[in-house]
């Protein structure tokens, strides 16, 4: 049973032959009623304060949960970024290796082609030398076969127009 300060203040008691003085009992009941009223006000204030703090605790718990989710998300994003960067670096490295190998193969192919061309040119040079040597040998034989008594035409018979490098 809950007693309010008004219940205490307006309480009445039956009279008895031997009892307490009504004024003293009334004064005591008024004091108890004021004390009860102060306690109820304090209790109400404490409950209000408790409700406010409970609301703050709920807000803080919610904020903490939000921070935890944000930290987890940041860690996940960081891990994903590292993995992505690692994969990208591997792709770049792989691409660079492939490009380098292709450049090396192309260089080797060009060297082989140049060596083949050089060999072909050397064979061609040797062939031209042999042909020229054969022609020169043929010319020498032809010169040797000519009679040596042949005389040169007189100088006066050759005109300026017959000389190479003159225009007549």
N, C-alpha and C. Protein backbone atom coordinates (compact mmCIF):
# COMPACT_ATOMS: atom_id res chain seq x y z
N UNK A 1 0.85 -1.17 0.00
CA UNK A 1 0.00 0.00 0.00
C UNK A 1 0.89 1.23 0.00
N UNK A 2 0.65 2.15 -0.92
CA UNK A 2 1.44 3.36 -1.03
C UNK A 2 0.76 4.48 -0.27
N UNK A 3 1.54 5.11 0.57
CA UNK A 3 1.02 6.27 1.31
C UNK A 3 1.57 7.52 0.67
N UNK A 4 0.67 8.47 0.42
CA UNK A 4 1.10 9.75 -0.12
C UNK A 4 1.28 10.70 1.05
N UNK A 5 1.98 11.79 0.86
CA UNK A 5 2.12 12.76 1.92
C UNK A 5 0.77 13.28 2.41
N UNK A 6 -0.22 13.38 1.52
CA UNK A 6 -1.55 13.84 1.94
C UNK A 6 -2.25 12.80 2.82
N UNK A 7 -2.05 11.51 2.49
CA UNK A 7 -2.64 10.45 3.33
C UNK A 7 -2.07 10.53 4.73
N UNK A 8 -0.78 10.76 4.82
CA UNK A 8 -0.15 10.83 6.14
C UNK A 8 -0.64 12.08 6.87
N UNK A 9 -0.69 13.19 6.16
CA UNK A 9 -1.04 14.46 6.79
C UNK A 9 -2.51 14.45 7.27
N UNK A 10 -3.42 13.81 6.59
CA UNK A 10 -4.84 13.81 6.95
C UNK A 10 -5.25 12.54 7.69
N UNK A 11 -4.32 11.80 8.14
CA UNK A 11 -4.66 10.58 8.89
C UNK A 11 -5.30 10.95 10.22
N UNK A 12 -6.26 10.17 10.59
CA UNK A 12 -6.93 10.39 11.89
C UNK A 12 -6.89 9.10 12.67
N UNK A 13 -6.92 9.23 13.95
CA UNK A 13 -6.86 8.07 14.85
C UNK A 13 -8.02 8.17 15.84
N UNK A 14 -8.47 7.02 16.32
CA UNK A 14 -9.55 7.01 17.32
C UNK A 14 -9.01 7.48 18.65
N UNK A 15 -9.88 8.05 19.38
CA UNK A 15 -9.48 8.52 20.71
C UNK A 15 -9.52 7.36 21.68
N UNK A 16 -8.63 7.40 22.62
CA UNK A 16 -8.58 6.39 23.67
C UNK A 16 -8.37 7.09 24.99
N UNK A 17 -8.67 6.42 26.04
CA UNK A 17 -8.54 7.02 27.36
C UNK A 17 -7.11 7.35 27.63
N UNK A 18 -6.29 6.51 27.32
CA UNK A 18 -4.88 6.78 27.53
C UNK A 18 -4.27 6.79 26.12
N UNK A 19 -3.64 7.80 25.76
CA UNK A 19 -3.09 7.87 24.43
C UNK A 19 -2.09 9.00 24.33
N UNK A 20 -1.88 9.41 23.11
CA UNK A 20 -0.92 10.48 22.85
C UNK A 20 -1.65 11.77 22.69
N UNK A 21 -0.92 12.85 22.82
CA UNK A 21 -1.54 14.15 22.61
C UNK A 21 -1.77 14.34 21.12
N UNK A 22 -2.95 14.79 20.79
CA UNK A 22 -3.30 14.94 19.40
C UNK A 22 -2.41 15.95 18.70
N UNK A 23 -2.04 17.02 19.31
CA UNK A 23 -1.18 18.05 18.72
C UNK A 23 0.20 17.48 18.38
N UNK A 24 0.75 16.67 19.28
CA UNK A 24 2.07 16.09 19.04
C UNK A 24 2.01 15.09 17.89
N UNK A 25 0.95 14.28 17.90
CA UNK A 25 0.80 13.29 16.83
C UNK A 25 0.62 14.03 15.50
N UNK A 26 -0.23 15.10 15.52
CA UNK A 26 -0.48 15.86 14.31
C UNK A 26 0.82 16.49 13.82
N UNK A 27 1.64 17.05 14.65
CA UNK A 27 2.91 17.69 14.27
C UNK A 27 3.87 16.64 13.69
N UNK A 28 3.89 15.48 14.34
CA UNK A 28 4.77 14.41 13.84
C UNK A 28 4.31 13.95 12.46
N UNK A 29 3.03 13.77 12.27
CA UNK A 29 2.50 13.32 10.99
C UNK A 29 2.79 14.36 9.90
N UNK A 30 2.71 15.66 10.23
CA UNK A 30 3.04 16.70 9.26
C UNK A 30 4.52 16.63 8.88
N UNK A 31 5.37 16.41 9.88
CA UNK A 31 6.81 16.27 9.61
C UNK A 31 7.07 15.06 8.72
N UNK A 32 6.42 13.95 9.04
CA UNK A 32 6.60 12.73 8.23
C UNK A 32 6.09 12.99 6.81
N UNK A 33 4.95 13.69 6.67
CA UNK A 33 4.38 13.98 5.36
C UNK A 33 5.34 14.85 4.55
N UNK A 34 5.94 15.88 5.17
CA UNK A 34 6.92 16.73 4.47
C UNK A 34 8.14 15.92 4.05
N UNK A 35 8.59 15.05 4.93
CA UNK A 35 9.75 14.20 4.62
C UNK A 35 9.43 13.25 3.46
N UNK A 36 8.21 12.65 3.54
CA UNK A 36 7.78 11.74 2.48
C UNK A 36 7.69 12.49 1.15
N UNK A 37 7.15 13.72 1.18
CA UNK A 37 7.02 14.52 -0.02
C UNK A 37 8.41 14.85 -0.59
N UNK A 38 9.35 15.20 0.25
CA UNK A 38 10.72 15.49 -0.20
C UNK A 38 11.35 14.24 -0.81
N UNK A 39 11.13 13.11 -0.16
CA UNK A 39 11.68 11.85 -0.68
C UNK A 39 11.06 11.51 -2.04
N UNK A 40 9.76 11.73 -2.18
CA UNK A 40 9.11 11.45 -3.46
C UNK A 40 9.64 12.37 -4.56
N UNK A 41 9.82 13.69 -4.22
CA UNK A 41 10.40 14.61 -5.21
C UNK A 41 11.81 14.19 -5.59
N UNK A 42 12.60 13.84 -4.58
CA UNK A 42 13.98 13.41 -4.85
C UNK A 42 13.96 12.13 -5.69
N UNK A 43 13.07 11.20 -5.34
CA UNK A 43 12.96 9.94 -6.07
C UNK A 43 12.58 10.22 -7.53
N UNK A 44 11.60 11.14 -7.77
CA UNK A 44 11.18 11.50 -9.11
C UNK A 44 12.34 12.13 -9.88
N UNK A 45 13.09 13.00 -9.21
CA UNK A 45 14.24 13.65 -9.86
C UNK A 45 15.31 12.61 -10.22
N UNK A 46 15.54 11.66 -9.31
CA UNK A 46 16.52 10.62 -9.58
C UNK A 46 16.07 9.72 -10.73
N UNK A 47 14.76 9.42 -10.78
CA UNK A 47 14.26 8.59 -11.88
C UNK A 47 14.38 9.34 -13.21
N UNK A 48 14.08 10.63 -13.19
CA UNK A 48 14.25 11.43 -14.41
C UNK A 48 15.71 11.43 -14.85
N UNK A 49 16.59 11.63 -13.87
CA UNK A 49 18.03 11.61 -14.15
C UNK A 49 18.44 10.23 -14.68
N UNK A 50 17.91 9.18 -14.07
CA UNK A 50 18.22 7.81 -14.50
C UNK A 50 17.72 7.58 -15.92
N UNK A 51 16.51 8.06 -16.23
CA UNK A 51 15.97 7.92 -17.58
C UNK A 51 16.85 8.65 -18.60
N UNK A 52 17.29 9.87 -18.22
CA UNK A 52 18.17 10.63 -19.12
C UNK A 52 19.47 9.89 -19.35
N UNK A 53 20.02 9.36 -18.27
CA UNK A 53 21.30 8.64 -18.40
C UNK A 53 21.12 7.33 -19.17
N UNK A 54 19.99 6.68 -18.97
CA UNK A 54 19.72 5.45 -19.74
C UNK A 54 19.61 5.79 -21.23
N UNK A 55 18.97 6.93 -21.53
CA UNK A 55 18.87 7.37 -22.92
C UNK A 55 20.26 7.69 -23.47
N UNK A 56 21.09 8.35 -22.66
CA UNK A 56 22.47 8.65 -23.06
C UNK A 56 23.25 7.36 -23.31
N UNK A 57 23.06 6.38 -22.39
CA UNK A 57 23.75 5.10 -22.54
C UNK A 57 23.31 4.42 -23.83
N UNK A 58 22.01 4.46 -24.12
CA UNK A 58 21.51 3.86 -25.37
C UNK A 58 22.12 4.57 -26.58
N UNK A 59 22.17 5.92 -26.51
CA UNK A 59 22.77 6.68 -27.61
C UNK A 59 24.25 6.32 -27.77
N UNK A 60 24.95 6.22 -26.62
CA UNK A 60 26.38 5.88 -26.67
C UNK A 60 26.60 4.46 -27.19
N UNK A 61 25.73 3.55 -26.78
CA UNK A 61 25.84 2.17 -27.29
C UNK A 61 25.59 2.13 -28.79
N UNK A 62 24.61 2.90 -29.23
CA UNK A 62 24.32 2.98 -30.64
C UNK A 62 25.50 3.58 -31.40
N UNK A 63 26.07 4.64 -30.84
CA UNK A 63 27.24 5.28 -31.47
C UNK A 63 28.42 4.32 -31.48
N UNK A 64 28.59 3.57 -30.39
CA UNK A 64 29.68 2.60 -30.32
C UNK A 64 29.50 1.52 -31.38
N UNK A 65 28.27 1.03 -31.51
CA UNK A 65 27.99 0.02 -32.53
C UNK A 65 28.26 0.58 -33.92
N UNK A 66 27.86 1.83 -34.13
CA UNK A 66 28.10 2.49 -35.41
C UNK A 66 29.61 2.62 -35.67
N UNK A 67 30.36 3.00 -34.64
CA UNK A 67 31.83 3.10 -34.78
C UNK A 67 32.44 1.74 -35.08
N UNK A 68 31.96 0.72 -34.40
CA UNK A 68 32.48 -0.63 -34.66
C UNK A 68 32.22 -1.03 -36.11
N UNK A 69 31.00 -0.74 -36.59
CA UNK A 69 30.69 -1.06 -37.98
C UNK A 69 31.58 -0.25 -38.93
N UNK A 70 31.82 1.02 -38.58
CA UNK A 70 32.67 1.86 -39.42
C UNK A 70 34.11 1.34 -39.42
N UNK A 71 34.60 0.92 -38.27
CA UNK A 71 35.97 0.39 -38.18
C UNK A 71 36.07 -0.90 -38.99
N UNK A 72 35.08 -1.76 -38.84
CA UNK A 72 35.10 -3.02 -39.59
C UNK A 72 35.04 -2.74 -41.09
N UNK A 73 34.18 -1.79 -41.47
CA UNK A 73 34.09 -1.43 -42.89
C UNK A 73 35.41 -0.84 -43.38
N UNK A 74 36.02 0.02 -42.57
CA UNK A 74 37.31 0.63 -42.96
C UNK A 74 38.39 -0.44 -43.09
N UNK A 75 38.40 -1.40 -42.16
CA UNK A 75 39.38 -2.48 -42.25
C UNK A 75 39.14 -3.31 -43.52
N UNK A 76 37.87 -3.60 -43.79
CA UNK A 76 37.54 -4.38 -44.98
C UNK A 76 37.95 -3.63 -46.24
N UNK A 77 37.63 -2.32 -46.27
CA UNK A 77 37.99 -1.51 -47.44
C UNK A 77 39.51 -1.45 -47.58
N UNK A 78 40.20 -1.27 -46.45
CA UNK A 78 41.67 -1.23 -46.49
C UNK A 78 42.24 -2.54 -47.03
N UNK A 79 41.69 -3.65 -46.57
CA UNK A 79 42.16 -4.96 -47.03
C UNK A 79 41.87 -5.12 -48.52
N UNK A 80 40.66 -4.71 -48.93
CA UNK A 80 40.32 -4.80 -50.35
C UNK A 80 41.23 -3.92 -51.20
N UNK A 81 41.54 -2.72 -50.69
CA UNK A 81 42.42 -1.81 -51.43
C UNK A 81 43.82 -2.41 -51.56
N UNK A 82 44.30 -3.01 -50.46
CA UNK A 82 45.62 -3.65 -50.52
C UNK A 82 45.62 -4.80 -51.52
N UNK A 83 44.56 -5.62 -51.48
CA UNK A 83 44.47 -6.74 -52.41
C UNK A 83 44.40 -6.25 -53.85
N UNK A 84 43.60 -5.21 -54.06
CA UNK A 84 43.47 -4.64 -55.40
C UNK A 84 44.81 -4.07 -55.87
N UNK A 85 45.50 -3.36 -55.00
CA UNK A 85 46.81 -2.79 -55.36
C UNK A 85 47.81 -3.91 -55.64
N UNK A 86 47.76 -4.97 -54.84
CA UNK A 86 48.67 -6.11 -55.04
C UNK A 86 48.39 -6.76 -56.40
N UNK A 87 47.09 -6.98 -56.70
CA UNK A 87 46.74 -7.59 -57.99
C UNK A 87 47.15 -6.68 -59.15
N UNK A 88 46.93 -5.37 -58.98
CA UNK A 88 47.30 -4.44 -60.03
C UNK A 88 48.82 -4.43 -60.23
N UNK A 89 49.56 -4.47 -59.13
CA UNK A 89 51.03 -4.51 -59.23
C UNK A 89 51.47 -5.79 -59.94
N UNK A 90 50.81 -6.90 -59.61
CA UNK A 90 51.15 -8.17 -60.27
C UNK A 90 50.86 -8.10 -61.76
N UNK A 91 49.72 -7.48 -62.12
CA UNK A 91 49.38 -7.34 -63.53
C UNK A 91 50.39 -6.45 -64.25
N UNK A 92 50.76 -5.34 -63.60
CA UNK A 92 51.74 -4.43 -64.21
C UNK A 92 53.08 -5.14 -64.38
N UNK A 93 53.49 -5.87 -63.34
CA UNK A 93 54.75 -6.61 -63.41
C UNK A 93 54.70 -7.66 -64.50
N UNK A 94 53.59 -8.40 -64.55
CA UNK A 94 53.44 -9.44 -65.57
C UNK A 94 53.45 -8.82 -66.96
N UNK A 95 52.73 -7.71 -67.11
CA UNK A 95 52.69 -7.04 -68.41
C UNK A 95 54.09 -6.54 -68.80
N UNK A 96 54.80 -5.98 -67.83
CA UNK A 96 56.16 -5.49 -68.11
C UNK A 96 57.08 -6.65 -68.51
N UNK A 97 56.95 -7.78 -67.81
CA UNK A 97 57.77 -8.95 -68.16
C UNK A 97 57.46 -9.43 -69.57
N UNK A 98 56.16 -9.50 -69.89
CA UNK A 98 55.77 -9.93 -71.23
C UNK A 98 56.30 -8.97 -72.28
N UNK A 99 56.20 -7.67 -72.01
CA UNK A 99 56.70 -6.67 -72.96
C UNK A 99 58.21 -6.80 -73.12
N UNK A 100 58.90 -7.01 -72.00
CA UNK A 100 60.36 -7.16 -72.07
C UNK A 100 60.73 -8.42 -72.86
N UNK A 101 60.01 -9.52 -72.60
CA UNK A 101 60.30 -10.75 -73.34
C UNK A 101 60.00 -10.58 -74.82
N UNK A 102 58.90 -9.87 -75.13
CA UNK A 102 58.58 -9.62 -76.53
C UNK A 102 59.66 -8.75 -77.18
N UNK A 103 60.13 -7.74 -76.46
CA UNK A 103 61.18 -6.87 -76.99
C UNK A 103 62.47 -7.67 -77.21
N UNK A 104 62.78 -8.56 -76.27
CA UNK A 104 63.98 -9.40 -76.41
C UNK A 104 63.83 -10.32 -77.62
N UNK A 105 62.64 -10.95 -77.76
CA UNK A 105 62.41 -11.82 -78.91
C UNK A 105 62.53 -11.04 -80.21
N UNK A 106 61.92 -9.85 -80.23
CA UNK A 106 61.99 -9.03 -81.44
C UNK A 106 63.44 -8.64 -81.73
N UNK A 107 64.17 -8.26 -80.68
CA UNK A 107 65.59 -7.91 -80.88
C UNK A 107 66.38 -9.09 -81.42
N UNK A 108 66.13 -10.27 -80.86
CA UNK A 108 66.84 -11.47 -81.35
C UNK A 108 66.46 -11.76 -82.80
N UNK A 109 65.17 -11.62 -83.11
CA UNK A 109 64.73 -11.84 -84.49
C UNK A 109 65.39 -10.85 -85.43
N UNK A 110 65.47 -9.58 -85.00
CA UNK A 110 66.12 -8.56 -85.83
C UNK A 110 67.61 -8.85 -85.99
N UNK A 111 68.25 -9.33 -84.91
CA UNK A 111 69.68 -9.68 -85.01
C UNK A 111 69.85 -10.84 -85.99
N UNK A 112 68.97 -11.87 -85.87
CA UNK A 112 69.06 -13.01 -86.79
C UNK A 112 68.85 -12.56 -88.23
N UNK A 113 67.84 -11.67 -88.42
CA UNK A 113 67.57 -11.17 -89.77
C UNK A 113 68.77 -10.37 -90.29
N UNK A 114 69.35 -9.54 -89.42
CA UNK A 114 70.52 -8.75 -89.83
C UNK A 114 71.70 -9.67 -90.14
N UNK A 115 71.89 -10.71 -89.32
CA UNK A 115 72.98 -11.66 -89.58
C UNK A 115 72.74 -12.40 -90.89
N UNK A 116 71.47 -12.78 -91.14
CA UNK A 116 71.16 -13.47 -92.40
C UNK A 116 71.40 -12.54 -93.58
N UNK A 117 70.98 -11.27 -93.44
CA UNK A 117 71.20 -10.30 -94.51
C UNK A 117 72.69 -10.08 -94.73
N UNK A 118 73.45 -10.00 -93.62
CA UNK A 118 74.90 -9.83 -93.74
C UNK A 118 75.51 -11.02 -94.46
N UNK A 119 75.09 -12.22 -94.09
CA UNK A 119 75.62 -13.42 -94.75
C UNK A 119 75.26 -13.40 -96.24
N UNK A 120 73.99 -13.01 -96.54
CA UNK A 120 73.58 -12.93 -97.94
C UNK A 120 74.43 -11.90 -98.70
N UNK A 121 74.65 -10.73 -98.05
CA UNK A 121 75.46 -9.69 -98.70
C UNK A 121 76.90 -10.15 -98.88
N UNK A 122 77.44 -10.88 -97.90
CA UNK A 122 78.81 -11.39 -98.03
C UNK A 122 78.91 -12.40 -99.16
N UNK A 123 77.88 -13.27 -99.28
CA UNK A 123 77.87 -14.23 -100.39
C UNK A 123 77.76 -13.48 -101.72
N UNK A 124 76.88 -12.47 -101.74
CA UNK A 124 76.70 -11.69 -102.95
C UNK A 124 77.99 -10.96 -103.32
N UNK A 125 78.67 -10.41 -102.30
CA UNK A 125 79.94 -9.72 -102.53
C UNK A 125 80.96 -10.70 -103.09
N UNK A 126 81.02 -11.89 -102.50
CA UNK A 126 81.98 -12.89 -102.97
C UNK A 126 81.67 -13.28 -104.41
N UNK A 127 80.35 -13.40 -104.73
CA UNK A 127 79.95 -13.75 -106.09
C UNK A 127 80.33 -12.65 -107.06
N UNK A 128 80.06 -11.39 -106.68
CA UNK A 128 80.41 -10.25 -107.55
C UNK A 128 81.92 -10.20 -107.73
N UNK A 129 82.68 -10.46 -106.68
CA UNK A 129 84.14 -10.45 -106.80
C UNK A 129 84.60 -11.54 -107.78
N UNK A 130 84.01 -12.70 -107.63
CA UNK A 130 84.40 -13.80 -108.52
C UNK A 130 84.04 -13.47 -109.96
N UNK A 131 82.82 -12.88 -110.13
CA UNK A 131 82.42 -12.51 -111.49
C UNK A 131 83.34 -11.43 -112.04
N UNK A 132 83.66 -10.43 -111.23
CA UNK A 132 84.54 -9.35 -111.66
C UNK A 132 85.94 -9.90 -111.95
N UNK A 133 86.39 -10.78 -111.07
CA UNK A 133 87.71 -11.39 -111.27
C UNK A 133 87.71 -12.17 -112.60
N UNK A 134 86.58 -12.89 -112.83
CA UNK A 134 86.48 -13.65 -114.08
C UNK A 134 86.48 -12.73 -115.29
N UNK A 135 85.75 -11.60 -115.19
CA UNK A 135 85.71 -10.66 -116.31
C UNK A 135 87.08 -10.01 -116.52
N UNK A 136 87.70 -9.62 -115.40
CA UNK A 136 89.03 -9.01 -115.53
C UNK A 136 90.03 -10.00 -116.11
N UNK A 137 89.91 -11.22 -115.69
CA UNK A 137 90.81 -12.25 -116.23
C UNK A 137 90.55 -12.40 -117.73
N UNK A 138 89.25 -12.37 -118.08
CA UNK A 138 88.91 -12.48 -119.51
C UNK A 138 89.44 -11.28 -120.27
N UNK A 139 89.33 -10.09 -119.69
CA UNK A 139 89.85 -8.88 -120.34
C UNK A 139 91.38 -8.97 -120.49
N UNK A 140 92.05 -9.45 -119.44
CA UNK A 140 93.51 -9.59 -119.52
C UNK A 140 93.89 -10.57 -120.62
N UNK A 141 93.18 -11.66 -120.72
CA UNK A 141 93.48 -12.64 -121.77
C UNK A 141 93.25 -12.01 -123.15
N UNK A 142 92.13 -11.23 -123.18
CA UNK A 142 91.82 -10.58 -124.46
C UNK A 142 92.91 -9.56 -124.79
N UNK A 143 93.41 -8.82 -123.80
CA UNK A 143 94.49 -7.87 -124.02
C UNK A 143 95.76 -8.58 -124.42
N UNK A 144 96.01 -9.67 -123.76
CA UNK A 144 97.22 -10.43 -124.09
C UNK A 144 97.13 -11.01 -125.51
N UNK A 145 95.93 -11.29 -125.94
CA UNK A 145 95.75 -11.88 -127.26
C UNK A 145 95.86 -10.84 -128.38
N UNK A 146 95.75 -9.59 -128.08
CA UNK A 146 95.84 -8.54 -129.11
C UNK A 146 97.28 -8.42 -129.59
N UNK A 147 97.41 -8.09 -130.89
CA UNK A 147 98.79 -7.90 -131.37
C UNK A 147 99.39 -6.65 -130.74
N UNK A 148 100.59 -6.72 -130.38
CA UNK A 148 101.25 -5.62 -129.71
C UNK A 148 101.72 -4.57 -130.67
N UNK A 149 101.70 -4.78 -132.00
CA UNK A 149 102.17 -3.83 -132.97
C UNK A 149 101.10 -2.80 -133.29
N UNK A 150 100.11 -2.87 -132.78
CA UNK A 150 99.07 -1.93 -133.05
C UNK A 150 99.49 -0.57 -132.59
N UNK A 151 99.15 0.41 -133.42
CA UNK A 151 99.56 1.76 -133.09
C UNK A 151 98.35 2.55 -132.63
N UNK A 152 98.63 3.55 -131.86
CA UNK A 152 97.58 4.41 -131.35
C UNK A 152 97.19 5.40 -132.41
N UNK A 153 95.96 5.82 -132.53
CA UNK A 153 95.55 6.82 -133.51
C UNK A 153 96.23 8.13 -133.21
N UNK A 154 96.46 8.92 -134.26
CA UNK A 154 97.13 10.19 -134.04
C UNK A 154 96.29 11.08 -133.13
N UNK A 155 96.96 11.87 -132.37
CA UNK A 155 96.31 12.75 -131.40
C UNK A 155 95.46 13.77 -132.13
N UNK A 156 95.86 14.23 -133.25
CA UNK A 156 95.11 15.24 -133.98
C UNK A 156 93.78 14.68 -134.43
N UNK A 157 93.64 13.38 -134.55
CA UNK A 157 92.40 12.79 -135.03
C UNK A 157 91.31 12.82 -133.96
N UNK A 158 91.68 12.98 -132.75
CA UNK A 158 90.70 13.03 -131.66
C UNK A 158 90.35 14.47 -131.44
N UNK A 159 89.03 14.82 -131.56
CA UNK A 159 88.59 16.19 -131.36
C UNK A 159 88.18 16.43 -129.92
N UNK A 160 88.03 17.73 -129.59
CA UNK A 160 87.63 18.07 -128.22
C UNK A 160 86.26 17.51 -127.89
N UNK A 161 85.43 17.38 -128.91
CA UNK A 161 84.08 16.88 -128.63
C UNK A 161 84.11 15.41 -128.25
N UNK A 162 85.15 14.74 -128.56
CA UNK A 162 85.25 13.32 -128.23
C UNK A 162 85.75 13.10 -126.82
N UNK A 163 86.25 14.13 -126.21
CA UNK A 163 86.80 13.97 -124.84
C UNK A 163 85.67 13.94 -123.80
N UNK A 164 85.78 13.08 -122.90
CA UNK A 164 84.73 13.05 -121.86
C UNK A 164 84.80 14.30 -121.01
N UNK A 165 83.61 14.79 -120.57
CA UNK A 165 83.54 15.94 -119.68
C UNK A 165 83.54 17.27 -120.40
N UNK A 166 83.61 17.30 -121.78
CA UNK A 166 83.53 18.56 -122.51
C UNK A 166 82.22 18.62 -123.27
N UNK A 167 81.75 19.80 -123.48
CA UNK A 167 80.43 19.93 -124.10
C UNK A 167 80.54 20.41 -125.55
N UNK A 168 81.56 20.25 -126.20
CA UNK A 168 81.66 20.48 -127.61
C UNK A 168 82.01 21.80 -127.98
